[in-house]
Amino acid sequence: MGTVAPRVESLASSGIKCIPKEYVRPQEELKSIGNVFEEEKKEGLQVPTIDLREIDSEDEVVRGKCREKLKKAAEEWGVMHLVNHGIPDELIERVKKAGETFFGLAVEEKEKYANDLESGKIQGYGSKLANNASGQLEWEDYFFHLAFPEDKRDLSFWPKKPADYIEVTSEYAKRLRGLATKILEALSIGLGLEGRRLEKEVGGMEELLLQLKINYYPICPQPELALGVEAHTDVSSLTFLLHNMVPGLQLFYEGQWVTAKCVPDSILMHIGDTIEILSNGKYKSILHRGLVNKEKVRISWAVFCEPPKEKIILQPLPELVTETEPARFPPRTFAQHIHHKLFRKDQEGLPN
């Protein structure tokens, strides 16, 4: 076995009053970390909410208005709450219940699913290993596995408890894949392209991978010193996020950290780097991070829609490159893009 990071849940439940130093963020970052419950109450800038009820309307004008709102949010923020998204609330509740039940198991039980990043076994139960020079850790445990397409899944990695985990997670992934098609179509048309273009560019039904990561953020005795997840942009094409209605997500917008409010019955969606690159920067992949707190456990379910690692060259689509708007990103495979980001992160800091 490779190195197993300590489970944050075990640390949190051990009764410590001070967090270990490797979880304490650098000084320049600490000044921007506030109490998330206070932050959520603030008025001012808000992540947009997009109502998708009319995205398939028979009426072209009505449909066009809905797509226009989606496009505007993708251009300005790159993140939005989606309501009336067409995925049954009851299914979403079952997905959340299944994930909560798994994380409610004893740590020893969850360890049966432990991943081993050093040997390349990335699916399973894990905690972040220090991969940067500072040895910095994040206040979270997680469970990660490929959820779609069904022929690429390996169910041996999926939790056996609760008994309905596989059934509800499979159904949710399938529904989400349909939603991704609708979103990608609207975003394509928003760029003046043919509706199926973006989906084709990210791998289509056969190759676009839906990776599920359930993030578990235990109660933290010193939340003002830690982050659940450090500032980053998603490498995906799209990311869809559910959470247990405990706030934590912050977006770096117009030079400040904005806390996303908890919107009932919504799915939060990020535009990822892949779509930012293909759109030549017209759609934004926004920097975001996760705060923790000392009152409530936060759980989020992130589904990353990722293009295949090697089969596609990610670069601005030729129709979107002009003399006045030259290509803003060099051609890279998805694997090269990830490598470039990791390398760059070790070289430079991120905004605070």
Protein backbone atom coordinates (compact mmCIF):
# COMPACT_ATOMS: atom_id res chain seq x y z
CA MET A 1 0.00 0.00 0.00
CA GLY A 2 1.09 3.59 -0.58
CA THR A 3 0.92 6.31 2.03
CA VAL A 4 -2.51 6.69 3.55
CA ALA A 5 -3.30 10.23 4.64
CA PRO A 6 -5.00 10.47 8.01
CA ARG A 7 -8.76 10.58 7.59
CA VAL A 8 -9.96 14.06 8.41
CA GLU A 9 -13.10 12.57 9.94
CA SER A 10 -10.95 10.67 12.47
CA LEU A 11 -9.04 13.85 13.32
CA ALA A 12 -12.28 15.81 13.70
CA SER A 13 -13.86 13.23 16.02
CA SER A 14 -10.72 12.81 18.15
CA GLY A 15 -11.62 15.90 20.19
CA ILE A 16 -8.69 18.07 19.05
CA LYS A 17 -9.05 21.79 19.76
CA CYS A 18 -6.31 22.87 17.34
CA ILE A 19 -5.88 21.58 13.81
CA PRO A 20 -2.49 20.13 12.74
CA LYS A 21 -0.24 22.70 11.08
CA GLU A 22 -0.41 21.09 7.62
CA TYR A 23 -4.13 22.08 7.50
CA VAL A 24 -3.44 25.73 8.36
CA ARG A 25 -3.56 27.95 5.27
CA PRO A 26 -0.76 30.43 4.45
CA GLN A 27 -0.98 33.81 6.18
CA GLU A 28 -1.95 35.80 3.06
CA GLU A 29 -4.91 33.46 2.47
CA LEU A 30 -6.22 33.60 6.04
CA LYS A 31 -7.31 37.22 5.84
CA SER A 32 -10.02 36.31 3.33
CA ILE A 33 -11.48 33.34 5.28
CA GLY A 34 -14.62 34.31 7.23
CA ASN A 35 -17.48 32.54 9.01
CA VAL A 36 -19.41 30.84 6.22
CA PHE A 37 -22.82 31.26 7.89
CA GLU A 38 -22.23 35.02 8.20
CA GLU A 39 -20.89 35.14 4.64
CA GLU A 40 -23.97 33.37 3.26
CA LYS A 41 -26.27 36.02 4.77
CA LYS A 42 -24.54 38.88 2.96
CA GLU A 43 -26.43 40.72 0.28
CA GLY A 44 -24.60 42.08 -2.74
CA LEU A 45 -23.23 39.90 -5.54
CA GLN A 46 -25.14 36.63 -5.99
CA VAL A 47 -24.46 33.58 -8.14
CA PRO A 48 -27.15 33.68 -10.88
CA THR A 49 -30.10 31.26 -10.81
CA ILE A 50 -31.19 29.94 -14.20
CA ASP A 51 -34.66 28.45 -14.69
CA LEU A 52 -34.38 25.66 -17.28
CA ARG A 53 -38.12 24.95 -17.51
CA GLU A 54 -38.30 26.44 -21.03
CA ILE A 55 -35.03 25.04 -22.44
CA ASP A 56 -36.99 22.55 -24.60
CA SER A 57 -39.98 24.80 -25.30
CA GLU A 58 -41.78 24.30 -28.62
CA ASP A 59 -41.82 28.08 -28.92
CA GLU A 60 -38.57 29.24 -30.48
CA VAL A 61 -38.73 32.68 -28.82
CA VAL A 62 -39.32 31.22 -25.35
CA ARG A 63 -36.57 28.66 -25.86
CA GLY A 64 -34.23 31.37 -27.12
CA LYS A 65 -34.78 33.51 -24.00
CA CYS A 66 -33.92 30.61 -21.73
CA ARG A 67 -30.74 29.86 -23.69
CA GLU A 68 -29.77 33.51 -23.65
CA LYS A 69 -29.92 33.62 -19.82
CA LEU A 70 -27.80 30.49 -19.64
CA LYS A 71 -25.28 31.95 -22.08
CA LYS A 72 -25.05 35.23 -20.15
CA ALA A 73 -24.40 33.41 -16.86
CA ALA A 74 -21.75 31.26 -18.57
CA GLU A 75 -20.03 34.36 -19.98
CA GLU A 76 -20.19 36.50 -16.85
CA TRP A 77 -19.87 34.04 -13.98
CA GLY A 78 -19.21 30.55 -15.33
CA VAL A 79 -21.27 29.20 -12.43
CA MET A 80 -25.03 29.13 -11.78
CA HIS A 81 -27.81 27.48 -9.81
CA LEU A 82 -30.03 25.45 -12.19
CA VAL A 83 -33.70 25.11 -11.19
CA ASN A 84 -36.43 23.17 -13.00
CA HIS A 85 -33.62 21.06 -14.42
CA GLY A 86 -35.83 18.04 -15.06
CA ILE A 87 -34.17 15.61 -12.63
CA PRO A 88 -36.77 14.41 -10.09
CA ASP A 89 -36.31 15.85 -6.58
CA GLU A 90 -37.07 12.42 -5.15
CA LEU A 91 -34.13 10.88 -7.06
CA ILE A 92 -31.81 13.65 -5.88
CA GLU A 93 -32.90 13.08 -2.27
CA ARG A 94 -32.16 9.36 -2.64
CA VAL A 95 -28.70 10.10 -4.09
CA LYS A 96 -27.95 12.36 -1.11
CA LYS A 97 -29.32 9.81 1.38
CA ALA A 98 -27.14 7.06 -0.15
CA GLY A 99 -23.99 9.20 0.08
CA GLU A 100 -24.79 10.32 3.63
CA THR A 101 -25.40 6.72 4.66
CA PHE A 102 -22.04 5.62 3.24
CA PHE A 103 -20.19 8.42 5.04
CA GLY A 104 -22.14 7.54 8.21
CA LEU A 105 -20.43 4.13 8.29
CA ALA A 106 -17.48 3.57 10.63
CA VAL A 107 -14.13 4.69 9.19
CA GLU A 108 -12.93 1.03 9.31
CA GLU A 109 -15.86 0.05 7.07
CA LYS A 110 -15.07 2.86 4.59
CA GLU A 111 -11.37 1.89 4.59
CA LYS A 112 -12.34 -1.30 2.73
CA TYR A 113 -12.78 1.04 -0.26
CA ALA A 114 -9.54 2.99 0.25
CA ASN A 115 -7.89 4.23 -2.92
CA ASP A 116 -4.14 4.14 -3.45
CA LEU A 117 -3.06 7.09 -5.55
CA GLU A 118 0.61 6.09 -5.64
CA SER A 119 -0.21 2.82 -7.39
CA GLY A 120 -2.64 4.58 -9.74
CA LYS A 121 -5.80 3.29 -8.06
CA ILE A 122 -7.66 6.59 -7.98
CA GLN A 123 -11.21 5.30 -7.48
CA GLY A 124 -12.46 4.76 -3.95
CA TYR A 125 -12.35 6.37 -0.51
CA GLY A 126 -9.59 8.88 0.10
CA SER A 127 -8.17 12.01 1.66
CA LYS A 128 -5.87 14.43 -0.10
CA LEU A 129 -2.20 13.58 -0.03
CA ALA A 130 0.14 16.54 0.10
CA ASN A 131 1.16 17.00 -3.54
CA ASN A 132 2.59 20.50 -3.35
CA ALA A 133 5.84 21.84 -1.99
CA SER A 134 4.23 23.30 1.13
CA GLY A 135 2.73 19.93 2.17
CA GLN A 136 -0.65 21.65 2.51
CA LEU A 137 -3.72 19.51 3.24
CA GLU A 138 -7.45 20.16 2.84
CA TRP A 139 -10.12 19.52 5.48
CA GLU A 140 -12.03 16.81 3.62
CA ASP A 141 -12.38 13.12 2.91
CA TYR A 142 -13.99 11.94 -0.32
CA PHE A 143 -15.29 9.04 -2.36
CA PHE A 144 -14.50 9.03 -6.08
CA HIS A 145 -15.57 6.81 -8.95
CA LEU A 146 -16.50 6.84 -12.64
CA ALA A 147 -20.30 6.94 -12.93
CA PHE A 148 -21.00 7.06 -16.71
CA PRO A 149 -20.89 5.68 -19.46
CA GLU A 150 -22.10 2.42 -17.97
CA ASP A 151 -19.75 0.27 -20.08
CA LYS A 152 -16.71 2.07 -18.61
CA ARG A 153 -17.73 1.75 -14.94
CA ASP A 154 -16.14 -0.66 -12.50
CA LEU A 155 -18.82 -1.45 -9.91
CA SER A 156 -16.29 -3.22 -7.67
CA PHE A 157 -15.24 0.25 -6.50
CA TRP A 158 -18.79 1.34 -5.65
CA PRO A 159 -20.11 1.15 -2.08
CA LYS A 160 -22.10 -2.01 -1.24
CA LYS A 161 -23.80 -0.13 1.60
CA PRO A 162 -26.38 1.28 1.43
CA ALA A 163 -27.95 -1.42 -0.74
CA ASP A 164 -29.50 1.08 -3.19
CA TYR A 165 -26.30 3.10 -3.75
CA ILE A 166 -25.59 1.59 -7.19
CA GLU A 167 -29.19 1.86 -8.38
CA VAL A 168 -29.77 5.51 -7.43
CA THR A 169 -26.32 6.74 -8.41
CA SER A 170 -26.58 5.03 -11.82
CA GLU A 171 -29.98 6.58 -12.48
CA TYR A 172 -28.79 10.02 -11.40
CA ALA A 173 -25.69 9.81 -13.63
CA LYS A 174 -27.85 8.81 -16.61
CA ARG A 175 -30.25 11.74 -16.02
CA LEU A 176 -27.35 14.13 -15.56
CA ARG A 177 -25.84 12.97 -18.84
CA GLY A 178 -29.09 13.98 -20.57
CA LEU A 179 -28.99 17.37 -18.85
CA ALA A 180 -25.36 17.85 -19.97
CA THR A 181 -26.47 17.34 -23.60
CA LYS A 182 -29.12 20.08 -23.25
CA ILE A 183 -26.67 22.50 -21.63
CA LEU A 184 -23.93 21.83 -24.20
CA GLU A 185 -26.44 22.34 -27.01
CA ALA A 186 -27.55 25.72 -25.60
CA LEU A 187 -23.91 26.78 -25.07
CA SER A 188 -23.02 25.73 -28.64
CA ILE A 189 -25.84 27.77 -30.10
CA GLY A 190 -24.76 30.67 -27.85
CA LEU A 191 -21.39 30.62 -29.63
CA GLY A 192 -23.06 30.71 -33.03
CA LEU A 193 -22.21 27.05 -33.63
CA GLU A 194 -24.33 24.08 -34.62
CA GLY A 195 -26.15 22.64 -31.57
CA ARG A 196 -24.26 19.35 -31.29
CA ARG A 197 -20.81 20.84 -31.82
CA LEU A 198 -19.56 21.25 -28.24
CA GLU A 199 -20.79 17.83 -27.18
CA LYS A 200 -18.93 16.27 -30.12
CA GLU A 201 -15.77 18.24 -29.21
CA VAL A 202 -15.78 16.88 -25.64
CA GLY A 203 -16.21 13.24 -26.63
CA GLY A 204 -19.89 12.68 -27.30
CA MET A 205 -22.01 9.99 -25.65
CA GLU A 206 -19.28 7.32 -25.92
CA GLU A 207 -16.25 9.20 -24.60
CA LEU A 208 -17.38 11.97 -22.23
CA LEU A 209 -16.77 10.59 -18.73
CA LEU A 210 -18.89 11.47 -15.71
CA GLN A 211 -16.73 11.21 -12.60
CA LEU A 212 -18.51 11.41 -9.25
CA LYS A 213 -16.72 12.80 -6.20
CA ILE A 214 -18.59 12.89 -2.91
CA ASN A 215 -16.82 15.44 -0.72
CA TYR A 216 -17.17 15.03 3.05
CA TYR A 217 -16.16 18.08 5.11
CA PRO A 218 -16.19 17.22 8.83
CA ILE A 219 -16.78 19.80 11.54
CA CYS A 220 -13.56 21.79 12.01
CA PRO A 221 -12.47 23.17 15.40
CA GLN A 222 -10.65 26.11 13.74
CA PRO A 223 -12.55 26.82 10.50
CA GLU A 224 -10.98 30.27 10.20
CA LEU A 225 -7.59 28.60 9.58
CA ALA A 226 -8.52 25.83 7.11
CA LEU A 227 -10.14 25.21 3.72
CA GLY A 228 -12.25 22.24 2.70
CA VAL A 229 -10.89 22.61 -0.81
CA GLU A 230 -8.31 25.16 -1.90
CA ALA A 231 -8.83 27.70 -4.68
CA HIS A 232 -8.93 26.06 -8.12
CA THR A 233 -10.80 25.99 -11.41
CA ASP A 234 -12.35 22.72 -12.61
CA VAL A 235 -10.60 21.00 -15.52
CA SER A 236 -13.89 19.42 -16.65
CA SER A 237 -16.17 20.57 -19.46
CA LEU A 238 -19.08 20.97 -17.00
CA THR A 239 -19.37 20.19 -13.29
CA PHE A 240 -22.74 19.54 -11.62
CA LEU A 241 -22.91 19.92 -7.85
CA LEU A 242 -25.41 18.91 -5.17
CA HIS A 243 -24.92 19.59 -1.46
CA ASN A 244 -26.64 18.93 1.85
CA MET A 245 -27.77 22.57 2.19
CA VAL A 246 -24.79 23.56 4.33
CA PRO A 247 -23.00 26.55 2.75
CA GLY A 248 -19.29 26.39 1.88
CA LEU A 249 -18.74 27.15 -1.78
CA GLN A 250 -17.09 30.49 -2.60
CA LEU A 251 -16.46 31.97 -6.05
CA PHE A 252 -13.74 34.51 -6.88
CA TYR A 253 -15.74 37.11 -8.81
CA GLU A 254 -14.68 40.67 -9.65
CA GLY A 255 -11.78 40.53 -7.22
CA GLN A 256 -13.67 39.22 -4.19
CA TRP A 257 -14.84 35.93 -2.67
CA VAL A 258 -18.62 35.54 -3.06
CA THR A 259 -20.39 32.83 -1.04
CA ALA A 260 -22.96 30.78 -2.96
CA LYS A 261 -26.31 30.72 -1.17
CA CYS A 262 -28.07 27.38 -0.69
CA VAL A 263 -30.90 27.30 -3.26
CA PRO A 264 -33.46 24.52 -2.60
CA ASP A 265 -34.03 21.94 -5.38
CA SER A 266 -31.20 23.35 -7.49
CA ILE A 267 -28.13 21.81 -9.07
CA LEU A 268 -25.15 24.13 -9.10
CA MET A 269 -23.23 24.03 -12.39
CA HIS A 270 -19.70 25.17 -13.20
CA ILE A 271 -18.29 25.77 -16.65
CA GLY A 272 -14.92 23.98 -16.57
CA ASP A 273 -11.60 24.75 -18.25
CA THR A 274 -12.41 22.47 -21.20
CA ILE A 275 -15.36 24.63 -22.31
CA GLU A 276 -13.45 27.83 -21.52
CA ILE A 277 -10.69 26.66 -23.89
CA LEU A 278 -13.04 25.51 -26.69
CA SER A 279 -14.97 28.81 -26.46
CA ASN A 280 -11.68 30.77 -26.58
CA GLY A 281 -12.47 32.31 -23.20
CA LYS A 282 -16.02 33.45 -24.00
CA TYR A 283 -17.36 31.13 -21.30
CA LYS A 284 -15.59 31.39 -17.94
CA SER A 285 -14.14 28.69 -15.71
CA ILE A 286 -14.33 30.48 -12.36
CA LEU A 287 -11.87 30.13 -9.49
CA HIS A 288 -13.61 28.65 -6.43
CA ARG A 289 -12.88 27.12 -3.03
CA GLY A 290 -14.70 25.52 -0.09
CA LEU A 291 -14.95 26.83 3.46
CA VAL A 292 -15.56 24.61 6.50
CA ASN A 293 -17.31 25.34 9.79
CA LYS A 294 -17.49 24.17 13.40
CA GLU A 295 -21.23 23.50 13.56
CA LYS A 296 -22.30 21.26 10.69
CA VAL A 297 -20.81 18.58 8.48
CA ARG A 298 -20.99 19.61 4.82
CA ILE A 299 -21.33 17.03 2.05
CA SER A 300 -21.31 17.81 -1.66
CA TRP A 301 -21.72 15.58 -4.71
CA ALA A 302 -19.69 16.83 -7.67
CA VAL A 303 -20.02 15.20 -11.08
CA PHE A 304 -17.20 16.21 -13.42
CA CYS A 305 -17.98 15.76 -17.14
CA GLU A 306 -14.51 15.12 -18.54
CA PRO A 307 -13.30 14.63 -22.12
CA PRO A 308 -11.11 11.58 -22.81
CA LYS A 309 -7.52 12.08 -21.66
CA GLU A 310 -5.67 11.59 -24.97
CA LYS A 311 -8.13 11.30 -27.86
CA ILE A 312 -9.05 14.96 -28.32
CA ILE A 313 -6.92 18.06 -28.75
CA LEU A 314 -8.37 20.89 -26.66
CA GLN A 315 -7.95 24.23 -28.36
CA PRO A 316 -10.15 27.20 -29.26
CA LEU A 317 -12.57 26.22 -32.03
CA PRO A 318 -11.37 27.69 -35.35
CA GLU A 319 -14.66 29.57 -35.94
CA LEU A 320 -14.05 31.51 -32.70
CA VAL A 321 -10.49 32.58 -33.55
CA THR A 322 -10.09 35.80 -35.53
CA GLU A 323 -7.42 38.44 -36.07
CA THR A 324 -8.98 40.59 -33.37
CA GLU A 325 -9.57 37.60 -31.08
CA PRO A 326 -6.56 35.30 -31.48
CA ALA A 327 -6.41 31.89 -29.78
CA ARG A 328 -5.97 32.40 -26.04
CA PHE A 329 -4.99 28.80 -25.29
CA PRO A 330 -2.37 26.53 -26.89
CA PRO A 331 -3.45 23.10 -28.18
CA ARG A 332 -3.17 20.38 -25.51
CA THR A 333 -4.72 17.03 -24.75
CA PHE A 334 -6.83 16.88 -21.58
CA ALA A 335 -4.01 14.97 -19.86
CA GLN A 336 -1.50 17.67 -20.87
CA HIS A 337 -3.86 20.38 -19.59
CA ILE A 338 -4.09 18.69 -16.17
CA HIS A 339 -0.31 18.26 -16.05
CA HIS A 340 0.23 21.90 -17.04
CA LYS A 341 -2.09 23.08 -14.24
CA LEU A 342 -0.39 20.96 -11.58
CA PHE A 343 3.03 22.10 -12.73
CA ARG A 344 1.98 25.74 -12.80
CA LYS A 345 0.38 25.50 -9.36
CA ASP A 346 3.68 24.33 -7.91
CA GLN A 347 5.38 27.33 -9.54
CA GLU A 348 3.00 30.11 -8.56
CA GLY A 349 0.48 30.95 -5.89
CA LEU A 350 -3.21 31.53 -6.58
CA PRO A 351 -5.10 34.74 -5.77
CA ASN A 352 -6.12 35.16 -2.16
